[in-house]
C-alpha cells in the first residue's frame, strides 16, 4: 500500500479509562460500530454477540469486543482498563473484522497495556468519570494534542495483536484521490452547514453524475447517501455515548425540529431514537 493509502485511515479516540465499571455499563445490550478494548483488572464479564455463544473474560485477559451489538454482564466488583475508539477506512469501512469477541492473555502483548495505560493516565485528571465521551467534552488545545499523540502507538499495538490473533487487516489500497478529497471535505463540515453534492462535485472539478459514479464504484452508495450515512453514524454515537436529550442531538445534527429528526432516524433505522438508545 502507498503512504497515501495509510494516510486515509480515519481514527479518533472516544475514551480511555482505568478503574471501576460505570453502573450504567454493568449489564445490558449495547450497540456500537466503534472499537472497544477491555483489559479485565478485577471481577469478570460475560459477553454475548450474534453468531457467537457466551464467553467469559477474567482478570489478566484482554477482550476486543464484538461490534456492532453485544450483551454484557459484569460482576459487581469488576474493574477494567478500557479504550474506545474509531478506526476505519474512508466511508467508515472497518479496518479489521469486529464480528467476534477476541480474548487473549495480557501478558502475551505488553505493548497493548502499556500504550493503553498511557492514554488513561493523561485523560483521568482532565476528564473524570467512568462513562464520559471525549468528543462532546470541552478541551484545551494542549490537552487535545497530547492525547492525540498517544493514540497512534496504541493503534499500532492493537493492529499487531489483531494480526497475531489471525485477524488480518481489511486493506483498501488504491482509492481514487478525488474520492479521498471528497470524504476529507465532508468529514470537516459541520452537520449544521448546508453542503450540496453539486457544490462538492464542483470543488473536485467533476460533474454530479461523475461524483455519484465514483462514490458507487468505491463506496457502493451515491454521494448523497454517503452524507446521510455519515449523519446517521454521528446520531448513533450521540444517542449511545452521551446523555444528551433527543432535542439536543437533533440540533447537533442540523435538524430544526426534533420531530423531523425522529422521522428521519426511524426511516433509516426502523426504530425511534429513544428505543435505539434504550437498546434491543
C-alpha atoms as a PDB file:
ATOM      1  CA  UNK A   1       0.000   0.000   0.000  1.00  0.00           C
ATOM      2  CA  UNK A   2       1.075   3.572  -0.662  1.00  0.00           C
ATOM      3  CA  UNK A   3       1.764   6.140   2.029  1.00  0.00           C
ATOM      4  CA  UNK A   4      -1.354   7.962   0.790  1.00  0.00           C
ATOM      5  CA  UNK A   5      -3.452   4.837   1.377  1.00  0.00           C
ATOM      6  CA  UNK A   6      -2.346   4.630   5.005  1.00  0.00           C
ATOM      7  CA  UNK A   7      -2.910   8.376   5.348  1.00  0.00           C
ATOM      8  CA  UNK A   8      -6.592   7.796   4.552  1.00  0.00           C
ATOM      9  CA  UNK A   9      -7.088   5.897   7.829  1.00  0.00           C
ATOM     10  CA  UNK A  10      -9.673   7.670   9.956  1.00  0.00           C
ATOM     11  CA  UNK A  11      -9.074   7.282  13.688  1.00  0.00           C
ATOM     12  CA  UNK A  12     -10.438   9.096  16.752  1.00  0.00           C
ATOM     13  CA  UNK A  13     -10.260   8.376  20.455  1.00  0.00           C
ATOM     14  CA  UNK A  14     -13.607   8.360  22.234  1.00  0.00           C
ATOM     15  CA  UNK A  15     -12.498   7.270  25.695  1.00  0.00           C
ATOM     16  CA  UNK A  16      -9.763   5.622  27.746  1.00  0.00           C
ATOM     17  CA  UNK A  17     -10.360   4.680  31.370  1.00  0.00           C
ATOM     18  CA  UNK A  18      -8.764   2.571  34.099  1.00  0.00           C
ATOM     19  CA  UNK A  19     -10.993   1.812  37.075  1.00  0.00           C
ATOM     20  CA  UNK A  20     -14.372   0.543  38.246  1.00  0.00           C
ATOM     21  CA  UNK A  21     -17.028  -0.197  35.639  1.00  0.00           C
ATOM     22  CA  UNK A  22     -19.668   2.534  35.391  1.00  0.00           C
ATOM     23  CA  UNK A  23     -23.056   1.485  36.860  1.00  0.00           C
ATOM     24  CA  UNK A  24     -24.737   2.150  33.518  1.00  0.00           C
ATOM     25  CA  UNK A  25     -22.422  -0.376  31.838  1.00  0.00           C
ATOM     26  CA  UNK A  26     -22.641  -3.264  34.346  1.00  0.00           C
ATOM     27  CA  UNK A  27     -25.238  -5.121  32.305  1.00  0.00           C
ATOM     28  CA  UNK A  28     -27.366  -4.762  29.203  1.00  0.00           C
ATOM     29  CA  UNK A  29     -27.371  -4.887  25.425  1.00  0.00           C
ATOM     30  CA  UNK A  30     -25.323  -2.241  23.641  1.00  0.00           C
ATOM     31  CA  UNK A  31     -24.896  -1.183  20.021  1.00  0.00           C
ATOM     32  CA  UNK A  32     -21.779   0.465  18.637  1.00  0.00           C
ATOM     33  CA  UNK A  33     -19.922   0.354  15.347  1.00  0.00           C
ATOM     34  CA  UNK A  34     -16.755   1.610  17.042  1.00  0.00           C
ATOM     35  CA  UNK A  35     -13.959  -0.401  18.656  1.00  0.00           C
ATOM     36  CA  UNK A  36     -13.819  -1.267  22.357  1.00  0.00           C
ATOM     37  CA  UNK A  37     -10.849  -2.997  24.022  1.00  0.00           C
ATOM     38  CA  UNK A  38     -11.029  -4.102  27.663  1.00  0.00           C
ATOM     39  CA  UNK A  39      -8.387  -5.476  29.990  1.00  0.00           C
ATOM     40  CA  UNK A  40     -10.137  -7.008  32.992  1.00  0.00           C
ATOM     41  CA  UNK A  41      -8.377  -5.987  36.210  1.00  0.00           C
ATOM     42  CA  UNK A  42     -10.790  -7.468  38.736  1.00  0.00           C
ATOM     43  CA  UNK A  43     -14.001  -9.481  38.606  1.00  0.00           C
ATOM     44  CA  UNK A  44     -15.185 -10.738  35.229  1.00  0.00           C
ATOM     45  CA  UNK A  45     -17.587 -10.129  32.354  1.00  0.00           C
ATOM     46  CA  UNK A  46     -19.749 -12.430  30.232  1.00  0.00           C
ATOM     47  CA  UNK A  47     -20.239 -11.304  26.627  1.00  0.00           C
ATOM     48  CA  UNK A  48     -22.731 -12.492  24.032  1.00  0.00           C
ATOM     49  CA  UNK A  49     -22.863 -11.378  20.416  1.00  0.00           C
ATOM     50  CA  UNK A  50     -24.848 -12.502  17.351  1.00  0.00           C
ATOM     51  CA  UNK A  51     -23.231 -15.567  15.833  1.00  0.00           C
ATOM     52  CA  UNK A  52     -21.072 -16.292  18.888  1.00  0.00           C
ATOM     53  CA  UNK A  53     -22.019 -18.030  22.110  1.00  0.00           C
ATOM     54  CA  UNK A  54     -21.382 -16.515  25.558  1.00  0.00           C
ATOM     55  CA  UNK A  55     -17.733 -16.020  26.516  1.00  0.00           C
ATOM     56  CA  UNK A  56     -16.236 -15.123  29.898  1.00  0.00           C
ATOM     57  CA  UNK A  57     -13.309 -12.739  30.383  1.00  0.00           C
ATOM     58  CA  UNK A  58     -11.295 -12.875  33.606  1.00  0.00           C
ATOM     59  CA  UNK A  59      -8.550 -10.834  35.314  1.00  0.00           C
ATOM     60  CA  UNK A  60      -5.385 -10.607  33.239  1.00  0.00           C
ATOM     61  CA  UNK A  61      -7.241 -11.072  29.958  1.00  0.00           C
ATOM     62  CA  UNK A  62      -7.931  -8.603  27.159  1.00  0.00           C
ATOM     63  CA  UNK A  63     -11.042  -8.756  25.014  1.00  0.00           C
ATOM     64  CA  UNK A  64     -11.583  -6.984  21.703  1.00  0.00           C
ATOM     65  CA  UNK A  65     -15.341  -6.532  21.996  1.00  0.00           C
ATOM     66  CA  UNK A  66     -17.614  -7.596  19.135  1.00  0.00           C
ATOM     67  CA  UNK A  67     -19.394  -4.923  17.107  1.00  0.00           C
ATOM     68  CA  UNK A  68     -21.997  -3.687  16.297  1.00  0.00           C
ATOM     69  CA  UNK A  69     -24.042  -5.410  19.015  1.00  0.00           C
ATOM     70  CA  UNK A  70     -23.246  -7.245  22.242  1.00  0.00           C
ATOM     71  CA  UNK A  71     -24.817  -8.149  25.554  1.00  0.00           C
ATOM     72  CA  UNK A  72     -22.559  -7.701  28.566  1.00  0.00           C
ATOM     73  CA  UNK A  73     -22.814  -8.626  32.229  1.00  0.00           C
ATOM     74  CA  UNK A  74     -20.030  -7.579  34.590  1.00  0.00           C
ATOM     75  CA  UNK A  75     -19.682  -8.802  38.150  1.00  0.00           C
ATOM     76  CA  UNK A  76     -20.405  -6.042  40.706  1.00  0.00           C
ATOM     77  CA  UNK A  77     -16.728  -5.760  41.696  1.00  0.00           C
ATOM     78  CA  UNK A  78     -15.411  -5.501  38.120  1.00  0.00           C
ATOM     79  CA  UNK A  79     -12.569  -3.155  37.238  1.00  0.00           C
ATOM     80  CA  UNK A  80     -11.039  -2.713  33.797  1.00  0.00           C
ATOM     81  CA  UNK A  81      -8.719  -0.776  31.530  1.00  0.00           C
ATOM     82  CA  UNK A  82     -10.876   0.336  28.619  1.00  0.00           C
ATOM     83  CA  UNK A  83     -10.096   2.070  25.321  1.00  0.00           C
ATOM     84  CA  UNK A  84     -12.908   3.056  22.965  1.00  0.00           C
ATOM     85  CA  UNK A  85     -12.102   4.484  19.537  1.00  0.00           C
ATOM     86  CA  UNK A  86     -12.910   4.697  15.840  1.00  0.00           C
ATOM     87  CA  UNK A  87     -10.597   3.125  13.265  1.00  0.00           C
ATOM     88  CA  UNK A  88     -11.932   2.983   9.709  1.00  0.00           C
ATOM     89  CA  UNK A  89     -11.091   3.400   6.064  1.00  0.00           C
ATOM     90  CA  UNK A  90     -12.833   6.121   4.033  1.00  0.00           C
ATOM     91  CA  UNK A  91     -16.577   5.606   4.025  1.00  0.00           C
ATOM     92  CA  UNK A  92     -16.455   4.166   7.563  1.00  0.00           C
ATOM     93  CA  UNK A  93     -15.312   0.792   6.227  1.00  0.00           C
ATOM     94  CA  UNK A  94     -13.770  -1.372   9.000  1.00  0.00           C
ATOM     95  CA  UNK A  95     -10.018  -1.928   9.176  1.00  0.00           C
ATOM     96  CA  UNK A  96     -10.410  -5.364  10.818  1.00  0.00           C
ATOM     97  CA  UNK A  97     -13.299  -7.784  11.291  1.00  0.00           C
ATOM     98  CA  UNK A  98     -15.128  -6.916  14.530  1.00  0.00           C
ATOM     99  CA  UNK A  99     -17.857  -9.555  14.419  1.00  0.00           C
ATOM    100  CA  UNK A 100     -16.432 -11.731  17.235  1.00  0.00           C
ATOM    101  CA  UNK A 101     -15.198 -11.211  20.786  1.00  0.00           C
ATOM    102  CA  UNK A 102     -11.463 -11.966  20.780  1.00  0.00           C
ATOM    103  CA  UNK A 103      -9.911 -12.907  24.152  1.00  0.00           C
ATOM    104  CA  UNK A 104      -6.201 -13.318  24.932  1.00  0.00           C
ATOM    105  CA  UNK A 105      -3.750 -13.041  27.859  1.00  0.00           C
ATOM    106  CA  UNK A 106      -2.447  -9.540  28.565  1.00  0.00           C
ATOM    107  CA  UNK A 107       0.986 -10.943  29.417  1.00  0.00           C
ATOM    108  CA  UNK A 108       1.450 -12.024  25.787  1.00  0.00           C
ATOM    109  CA  UNK A 109       1.193  -8.452  24.461  1.00  0.00           C
ATOM    110  CA  UNK A 110       2.667  -5.966  26.987  1.00  0.00           C
ATOM    111  CA  UNK A 111       2.797  -3.081  24.468  1.00  0.00           C
ATOM    112  CA  UNK A 112      -1.001  -3.024  24.294  1.00  0.00           C
ATOM    113  CA  UNK A 113      -1.383  -2.464  28.038  1.00  0.00           C
ATOM    114  CA  UNK A 114       1.499  -0.005  28.189  1.00  0.00           C
ATOM    115  CA  UNK A 115       0.092   2.245  25.460  1.00  0.00           C
ATOM    116  CA  UNK A 116      -3.482   1.963  26.781  1.00  0.00           C
ATOM    117  CA  UNK A 117      -2.366   2.959  30.276  1.00  0.00           C
ATOM    118  CA  UNK A 118      -0.570   5.994  28.842  1.00  0.00           C
ATOM    119  CA  UNK A 119      -3.848   7.200  27.336  1.00  0.00           C
ATOM    120  CA  UNK A 120      -5.862   6.568  30.500  1.00  0.00           C
ATOM    121  CA  UNK A 121      -3.317   8.351  32.714  1.00  0.00           C
ATOM    122  CA  UNK A 122      -3.472  11.531  30.621  1.00  0.00           C
ATOM    123  CA  UNK A 123      -7.272  11.523  30.376  1.00  0.00           C
ATOM    124  CA  UNK A 124      -8.157  10.691  34.003  1.00  0.00           C
ATOM    125  CA  UNK A 125      -7.282  14.019  35.689  1.00  0.00           C
ATOM    126  CA  UNK A 126      -8.822  16.128  32.931  1.00  0.00           C
ATOM    127  CA  UNK A 127     -11.989  14.143  32.174  1.00  0.00           C
ATOM    128  CA  UNK A 128     -13.087  12.402  35.391  1.00  0.00           C
ATOM    129  CA  UNK A 129     -15.796   9.755  35.273  1.00  0.00           C
ATOM    130  CA  UNK A 130     -16.125   6.219  34.022  1.00  0.00           C
ATOM    131  CA  UNK A 131     -18.580   6.854  31.198  1.00  0.00           C
ATOM    132  CA  UNK A 132     -17.514  10.126  29.563  1.00  0.00           C
ATOM    133  CA  UNK A 133     -17.416  10.657  25.779  1.00  0.00           C
ATOM    134  CA  UNK A 134     -14.464  12.817  24.763  1.00  0.00           C
ATOM    135  CA  UNK A 135     -15.863  14.350  21.529  1.00  0.00           C
ATOM    136  CA  UNK A 136     -18.546  16.230  23.484  1.00  0.00           C
ATOM    137  CA  UNK A 137     -16.257  17.476  26.285  1.00  0.00           C
ATOM    138  CA  UNK A 138     -14.609  20.923  26.487  1.00  0.00           C
ATOM    139  CA  UNK A 139     -10.896  20.510  25.899  1.00  0.00           C
ATOM    140  CA  UNK A 140      -7.867  22.781  25.718  1.00  0.00           C
ATOM    141  CA  UNK A 141      -5.588  22.665  22.682  1.00  0.00           C
ATOM    142  CA  UNK A 142      -2.540  21.315  24.508  1.00  0.00           C
ATOM    143  CA  UNK A 143      -4.550  18.524  26.121  1.00  0.00           C
ATOM    144  CA  UNK A 144      -6.110  17.535  22.798  1.00  0.00           C
ATOM    145  CA  UNK A 145      -2.747  17.347  21.033  1.00  0.00           C
ATOM    146  CA  UNK A 146      -1.182  15.427  23.907  1.00  0.00           C
ATOM    147  CA  UNK A 147      -3.943  12.820  23.839  1.00  0.00           C
ATOM    148  CA  UNK A 148      -3.843  12.574  20.056  1.00  0.00           C
ATOM    149  CA  UNK A 149      -0.083  11.971  20.118  1.00  0.00           C
ATOM    150  CA  UNK A 150      -0.597   8.923  22.356  1.00  0.00           C
ATOM    151  CA  UNK A 151      -3.246   7.273  20.191  1.00  0.00           C
ATOM    152  CA  UNK A 152      -1.100   6.039  17.229  1.00  0.00           C
ATOM    153  CA  UNK A 153       1.236   3.916  19.415  1.00  0.00           C
ATOM    154  CA  UNK A 154      -1.818   2.212  20.906  1.00  0.00           C
ATOM    155  CA  UNK A 155      -3.369   1.644  17.469  1.00  0.00           C
ATOM    156  CA  UNK A 156      -0.121   0.154  16.209  1.00  0.00           C
ATOM    157  CA  UNK A 157      -0.060  -2.263  19.155  1.00  0.00           C
ATOM    158  CA  UNK A 158      -3.760  -3.044  18.635  1.00  0.00           C
ATOM    159  CA  UNK A 159      -3.286  -3.931  14.953  1.00  0.00           C
ATOM    160  CA  UNK A 160      -0.185  -6.000  15.749  1.00  0.00           C
ATOM    161  CA  UNK A 161      -2.282  -8.069  18.169  1.00  0.00           C
ATOM    162  CA  UNK A 162      -5.142  -8.466  15.692  1.00  0.00           C
ATOM    163  CA  UNK A 163      -2.791  -9.800  13.046  1.00  0.00           C
ATOM    164  CA  UNK A 164      -1.093 -12.142  15.532  1.00  0.00           C
ATOM    165  CA  UNK A 165      -4.521 -13.478  16.518  1.00  0.00           C
ATOM    166  CA  UNK A 166      -5.203 -14.323  12.875  1.00  0.00           C
ATOM    167  CA  UNK A 167      -7.451 -11.343  12.144  1.00  0.00           C
ATOM    168  CA  UNK A 168      -5.639  -9.569   9.279  1.00  0.00           C
ATOM    169  CA  UNK A 169      -6.256  -6.028   8.125  1.00  0.00           C
ATOM    170  CA  UNK A 170      -9.000  -5.476   5.545  1.00  0.00           C
ATOM    171  CA  UNK A 171      -6.822  -3.475   3.157  1.00  0.00           C
ATOM    172  CA  UNK A 172      -8.237  -0.718   0.961  1.00  0.00           C
ATOM    173  CA  UNK A 173      -5.429   0.136  -1.447  1.00  0.00           C
ATOM    174  CA  UNK A 174      -5.601   2.395  -4.486  1.00  0.00           C
ATOM    175  CA  UNK A 175      -8.655   4.523  -3.638  1.00  0.00           C
ATOM    176  CA  UNK A 176      -9.360   7.325  -6.091  1.00  0.00           C
ATOM    177  CA  UNK A 177      -7.705  10.562  -4.939  1.00  0.00           C
ATOM    178  CA  UNK A 178     -10.827  12.575  -5.775  1.00  0.00           C
ATOM    179  CA  UNK A 179     -12.899  10.331  -3.531  1.00  0.00           C
ATOM    180  CA  UNK A 180     -10.433  10.770  -0.672  1.00  0.00           C
ATOM    181  CA  UNK A 181     -10.618  14.535  -1.138  1.00  0.00           C
ATOM    182  CA  UNK A 182     -14.418  14.403  -1.083  1.00  0.00           C
ATOM    183  CA  UNK A 183     -14.534  12.354   2.101  1.00  0.00           C
ATOM    184  CA  UNK A 184     -11.984  14.606   3.794  1.00  0.00           C
ATOM    185  CA  UNK A 185     -14.077  17.616   2.809  1.00  0.00           C
ATOM    186  CA  UNK A 186     -17.286  16.049   4.107  1.00  0.00           C
ATOM    187  CA  UNK A 187     -15.722  14.999   7.389  1.00  0.00           C
ATOM    188  CA  UNK A 188     -14.665  18.586   8.075  1.00  0.00           C
ATOM    189  CA  UNK A 189     -18.128  20.028   7.523  1.00  0.00           C
ATOM    190  CA  UNK A 190     -20.494  20.629  10.421  1.00  0.00           C
ATOM    191  CA  UNK A 191     -23.890  18.971  10.084  1.00  0.00           C
ATOM    192  CA  UNK A 192     -25.387  22.401  10.713  1.00  0.00           C
ATOM    193  CA  UNK A 193     -23.954  23.625   7.411  1.00  0.00           C
ATOM    194  CA  UNK A 194     -25.709  23.130   4.102  1.00  0.00           C
ATOM    195  CA  UNK A 195     -23.409  21.384   1.622  1.00  0.00           C
ATOM    196  CA  UNK A 196     -24.912  20.123  -1.626  1.00  0.00           C
ATOM    197  CA  UNK A 197     -23.485  17.322  -3.715  1.00  0.00           C
ATOM    198  CA  UNK A 198     -23.367  19.808  -6.611  1.00  0.00           C
ATOM    199  CA  UNK A 199     -21.018  22.032  -4.598  1.00  0.00           C
ATOM    200  CA  UNK A 200     -18.831  19.048  -3.686  1.00  0.00           C
ATOM    201  CA  UNK A 201     -18.643  17.953  -7.327  1.00  0.00           C
ATOM    202  CA  UNK A 202     -17.731  21.475  -8.458  1.00  0.00           C
ATOM    203  CA  UNK A 203     -14.954  21.729  -5.866  1.00  0.00           C
ATOM    204  CA  UNK A 204     -13.454  18.488  -7.210  1.00  0.00           C
ATOM    205  CA  UNK A 205     -13.790  19.501 -10.857  1.00  0.00           C
ATOM    206  CA  UNK A 206     -16.277  16.773 -11.774  1.00  0.00           C
ATOM    207  CA  UNK A 207     -19.981  16.661 -12.629  1.00  0.00           C
ATOM    208  CA  UNK A 208     -22.672  15.468 -10.231  1.00  0.00           C
ATOM    209  CA  UNK A 209     -23.097  12.258 -12.257  1.00  0.00           C
ATOM    210  CA  UNK A 210     -19.324  11.646 -12.254  1.00  0.00           C
ATOM    211  CA  UNK A 211     -19.239  12.128  -8.487  1.00  0.00           C
ATOM    212  CA  UNK A 212     -22.054   9.635  -7.961  1.00  0.00           C
ATOM    213  CA  UNK A 213     -20.389   7.124 -10.286  1.00  0.00           C
ATOM    214  CA  UNK A 214     -17.142   7.498  -8.322  1.00  0.00           C
ATOM    215  CA  UNK A 215     -18.920   7.014  -4.994  1.00  0.00           C
ATOM    216  CA  UNK A 216     -20.828   3.981  -6.250  1.00  0.00           C
ATOM    217  CA  UNK A 217     -17.632   2.403  -7.567  1.00  0.00           C
ATOM    218  CA  UNK A 218     -15.621   2.982  -4.382  1.00  0.00           C
ATOM    219  CA  UNK A 219     -18.249   3.066  -1.608  1.00  0.00           C
ATOM    220  CA  UNK A 220     -21.277   1.325  -3.086  1.00  0.00           C
ATOM    221  CA  UNK A 221     -23.581   4.321  -2.488  1.00  0.00           C
ATOM    222  CA  UNK A 222     -24.278   7.733  -4.009  1.00  0.00           C
ATOM    223  CA  UNK A 223     -22.665  10.899  -2.657  1.00  0.00           C
ATOM    224  CA  UNK A 224     -25.939  11.977  -1.063  1.00  0.00           C
ATOM    225  CA  UNK A 225     -26.381   8.568   0.541  1.00  0.00           C
ATOM    226  CA  UNK A 226     -22.854   8.746   1.953  1.00  0.00           C
ATOM    227  CA  UNK A 227     -23.606  12.132   3.535  1.00  0.00           C
ATOM    228  CA  UNK A 228     -26.784  10.675   5.059  1.00  0.00           C
ATOM    229  CA  UNK A 229     -24.888   7.605   6.305  1.00  0.00           C
ATOM    230  CA  UNK A 230     -22.271   9.813   7.958  1.00  0.00           C
ATOM    231  CA  UNK A 231     -25.003  11.782   9.745  1.00  0.00           C
ATOM    232  CA  UNK A 232     -26.670   8.541  10.894  1.00  0.00           C
ATOM    233  CA  UNK A 233     -23.342   7.280  12.252  1.00  0.00           C
ATOM    234  CA  UNK A 234     -22.993  10.505  14.256  1.00  0.00           C
ATOM    235  CA  UNK A 235     -26.574  10.161  15.524  1.00  0.00           C
ATOM    236  CA  UNK A 236     -25.896   6.629  16.778  1.00  0.00           C
ATOM    237  CA  UNK A 237     -22.790   7.812  18.634  1.00  0.00           C
ATOM    238  CA  UNK A 238     -24.553  10.733  20.319  1.00  0.00           C
ATOM    239  CA  UNK A 239     -27.511   8.575  21.331  1.00  0.00           C
ATOM    240  CA  UNK A 240     -25.477   5.729  22.792  1.00  0.00           C
ATOM    241  CA  UNK A 241     -22.387   7.508  24.128  1.00  0.00           C
ATOM    242  CA  UNK A 242     -23.824  10.709  25.626  1.00  0.00           C
ATOM    243  CA  UNK A 243     -26.675  11.719  27.882  1.00  0.00           C
ATOM    244  CA  UNK A 244     -27.851  14.484  25.565  1.00  0.00           C
ATOM    245  CA  UNK A 245     -31.583  14.805  25.075  1.00  0.00           C
ATOM    246  CA  UNK A 246     -33.181  13.837  21.768  1.00  0.00           C
ATOM    247  CA  UNK A 247     -33.762  17.538  21.080  1.00  0.00           C
ATOM    248  CA  UNK A 248     -30.083  18.339  21.683  1.00  0.00           C
ATOM    249  CA  UNK A 249     -28.972  15.507  19.400  1.00  0.00           C
ATOM    250  CA  UNK A 250     -31.338  16.735  16.679  1.00  0.00           C
ATOM    251  CA  UNK A 251     -29.933  20.263  16.905  1.00  0.00           C
ATOM    252  CA  UNK A 252     -26.341  18.979  16.860  1.00  0.00           C
ATOM    253  CA  UNK A 253     -27.095  17.173  13.588  1.00  0.00           C
ATOM    254  CA  UNK A 254     -28.640  20.218  11.937  1.00  0.00           C
ATOM    255  CA  UNK A 255     -32.358  19.417  12.312  1.00  0.00           C
ATOM    256  CA  UNK A 256     -34.556  22.409  13.070  1.00  0.00           C
ATOM    257  CA  UNK A 257     -37.294  20.290  14.599  1.00  0.00           C
ATOM    258  CA  UNK A 258     -36.994  17.220  16.818  1.00  0.00           C
ATOM    259  CA  UNK A 259     -39.930  15.614  15.021  1.00  0.00           C
ATOM    260  CA  UNK A 260     -38.065  15.815  11.692  1.00  0.00           C
ATOM    261  CA  UNK A 261     -35.041  14.111  13.258  1.00  0.00           C
ATOM    262  CA  UNK A 262     -37.198  11.338  14.740  1.00  0.00           C
ATOM    263  CA  UNK A 263     -38.922  10.672  11.409  1.00  0.00           C
ATOM    264  CA  UNK A 264     -35.570  10.631   9.572  1.00  0.00           C
ATOM    265  CA  UNK A 265     -33.982   8.295  12.120  1.00  0.00           C
ATOM    266  CA  UNK A 266     -36.987   5.950  12.088  1.00  0.00           C
ATOM    267  CA  UNK A 267     -36.913   5.800   8.289  1.00  0.00           C
ATOM    268  CA  UNK A 268     -33.248   4.734   8.248  1.00  0.00           C
ATOM    269  CA  UNK A 269     -33.082   2.545  11.352  1.00  0.00           C
ATOM    270  CA  UNK A 270     -36.627   1.248  11.639  1.00  0.00           C
ATOM    271  CA  UNK A 271     -36.883   2.429  15.245  1.00  0.00           C
ATOM    272  CA  UNK A 272     -37.163   5.668  17.200  1.00  0.00           C
ATOM    273  CA  UNK A 273     -34.136   7.456  18.681  1.00  0.00           C
ATOM    274  CA  UNK A 274     -35.426   6.713  22.188  1.00  0.00           C
ATOM    275  CA  UNK A 275     -35.869   2.993  21.504  1.00  0.00           C
ATOM    276  CA  UNK A 276     -32.440   2.815  19.873  1.00  0.00           C
ATOM    277  CA  UNK A 277     -30.843   4.479  22.907  1.00  0.00           C
ATOM    278  CA  UNK A 278     -32.517   2.015  25.287  1.00  0.00           C
ATOM    279  CA  UNK A 279     -31.254  -0.945  23.240  1.00  0.00           C
ATOM    280  CA  UNK A 280     -32.926  -4.119  21.968  1.00  0.00           C
END
